[in-house]
Amino acid sequence: MKRDIPFLAVLLFFYLLFYGIVQMIPMDELLRKGLVVNNVLIYSPLATFLVAVVYAGLYGFSCRFLLLATLMFFVTILTFEEWILLYHAAYFICLLLGTLLGYGIFCWRKTSK
């Protein structure tokens, strides 16, 4: 469980804390909206994919990590004050693809030793 915390903290940043930081920094409203939209459509799925690749590449496949990362998606309900199934499906697909790629790297590293 301890090894999962840094990876889940990265996801928590993109799913929750990023929005708070964007709201607190004084900036143009159009820029603020652009950052929020980019976070939903680009940064969060990319971070989810990369975190899954790195985690699975280091530690192999873990159902526990998949479950915990999937549960982290529900933190976005606090941000948007609504549940959007499409975002959760997209984030989950990024998580699965990243885990598969990372597990492939893990197996490749294991066999090349």
Protein backbone atom coordinates (compact mmCIF):
# COMPACT_ATOMS: atom_id res chain seq x y z
CA MET A 1 0.00 0.00 0.00
CA LYS A 2 2.85 2.41 0.78
CA ARG A 3 4.22 2.14 -2.73
CA ASP A 4 0.82 3.12 -4.19
CA ILE A 5 0.57 6.44 -2.33
CA PRO A 6 2.94 8.55 -4.50
CA PHE A 7 1.22 7.38 -7.67
CA LEU A 8 -2.25 8.04 -6.27
CA ALA A 9 -1.07 11.46 -5.06
CA VAL A 10 -0.20 12.42 -8.64
CA LEU A 11 -3.70 11.41 -9.74
CA LEU A 12 -5.25 13.31 -6.83
CA PHE A 13 -3.39 16.43 -7.93
CA PHE A 14 -4.80 16.29 -11.45
CA TYR A 15 -8.30 15.23 -10.36
CA LEU A 16 -8.80 17.68 -7.50
CA LEU A 17 -5.98 20.01 -6.50
CA PHE A 18 -5.30 21.38 -9.99
CA TYR A 19 -8.74 23.02 -10.04
CA GLY A 20 -8.21 24.67 -6.67
CA ILE A 21 -4.85 26.05 -7.74
CA VAL A 22 -6.29 27.39 -11.00
CA GLN A 23 -9.09 29.14 -9.09
CA MET A 24 -6.69 30.75 -6.60
CA ILE A 25 -4.16 32.14 -9.09
CA PRO A 26 -5.20 35.51 -10.50
CA MET A 27 -5.56 35.18 -14.27
CA ASP A 28 -7.85 35.97 -17.16
CA GLU A 29 -11.14 34.06 -17.03
CA LEU A 30 -10.68 32.70 -20.56
CA LEU A 31 -7.25 31.32 -19.63
CA ARG A 32 -8.72 29.76 -16.48
CA LYS A 33 -11.47 28.02 -18.47
CA GLY A 34 -8.91 26.86 -21.02
CA LEU A 35 -6.75 25.31 -18.30
CA VAL A 36 -9.74 23.52 -16.79
CA VAL A 37 -10.90 22.16 -20.15
CA ASN A 38 -7.35 21.10 -21.05
CA ASN A 39 -7.05 19.35 -17.71
CA VAL A 40 -10.25 17.39 -18.30
CA LEU A 41 -9.48 16.47 -21.90
CA ILE A 42 -5.67 16.22 -22.02
CA TYR A 43 -3.72 16.51 -18.76
CA SER A 44 -5.75 14.14 -16.56
CA PRO A 45 -6.01 11.28 -19.09
CA LEU A 46 -2.32 11.69 -19.97
CA ALA A 47 -1.31 11.71 -16.29
CA THR A 48 -3.50 8.65 -15.69
CA PHE A 49 -1.85 6.83 -18.58
CA LEU A 50 1.70 7.76 -17.55
CA VAL A 51 1.16 6.93 -13.88
CA ALA A 52 -0.22 3.52 -14.86
CA VAL A 53 2.73 2.86 -17.20
CA VAL A 54 5.30 3.76 -14.56
CA TYR A 55 3.54 1.84 -11.77
CA ALA A 56 3.03 -1.33 -13.81
CA GLY A 57 6.52 -1.03 -15.28
CA LEU A 58 8.03 -0.96 -11.80
CA TYR A 59 5.76 -3.33 -9.87
CA GLY A 60 3.86 -5.37 -12.45
CA PHE A 61 0.11 -5.81 -12.69
CA SER A 62 -1.86 -4.95 -9.55
CA CYS A 63 -5.62 -5.26 -9.21
CA ARG A 64 -5.40 -3.19 -6.02
CA PHE A 65 -3.79 -0.27 -7.87
CA LEU A 66 -6.39 -0.48 -10.64
CA LEU A 67 -9.18 -0.43 -8.07
CA LEU A 68 -7.70 2.46 -6.09
CA ALA A 69 -6.99 4.52 -9.21
CA THR A 70 -10.52 3.84 -10.46
CA LEU A 71 -11.97 4.98 -7.14
CA MET A 72 -9.91 8.17 -7.49
CA PHE A 73 -12.03 9.07 -10.52
CA PHE A 74 -14.92 9.76 -8.16
CA VAL A 75 -12.96 12.66 -6.65
CA THR A 76 -13.85 14.56 -9.82
CA ILE A 77 -17.47 14.58 -8.66
CA LEU A 78 -16.39 17.06 -5.97
CA THR A 79 -14.84 19.29 -8.62
CA PHE A 80 -17.60 19.27 -11.22
CA GLU A 81 -20.51 18.73 -8.78
CA GLU A 82 -21.87 16.13 -11.18
CA TRP A 83 -20.95 12.67 -12.40
CA ILE A 84 -19.91 12.44 -16.04
CA LEU A 85 -19.69 8.82 -17.15
CA LEU A 86 -17.84 9.63 -20.38
CA TYR A 87 -14.86 11.12 -18.51
CA HIS A 88 -14.70 8.16 -16.17
CA ALA A 89 -14.81 5.73 -19.09
CA ALA A 90 -12.03 7.64 -20.90
CA TYR A 91 -9.87 7.80 -17.78
CA PHE A 92 -10.43 4.08 -17.15
CA ILE A 93 -9.42 3.22 -20.72
CA CYS A 94 -6.25 5.32 -20.28
CA LEU A 95 -5.60 3.52 -17.00
CA LEU A 96 -6.03 0.09 -18.58
CA LEU A 97 -3.88 0.90 -21.61
CA GLY A 98 -1.17 2.33 -19.40
CA THR A 99 -1.27 -0.71 -17.15
CA LEU A 100 -1.03 -3.06 -20.12
CA LEU A 101 1.91 -1.16 -21.59
CA GLY A 102 3.62 -0.96 -18.21
CA TYR A 103 3.08 -4.65 -17.57
CA GLY A 104 4.60 -5.40 -20.97
CA ILE A 105 7.64 -3.34 -19.98
CA PHE A 106 7.75 -5.15 -16.63
CA CYS A 107 7.72 -8.57 -18.32
CA TRP A 108 10.31 -7.46 -20.88
CA ARG A 109 12.62 -6.20 -18.11
CA LYS A 110 12.13 -9.44 -16.21
CA THR A 111 13.00 -11.66 -19.18
CA SER A 112 15.97 -9.55 -20.31
CA LYS A 113 17.80 -10.02 -16.99
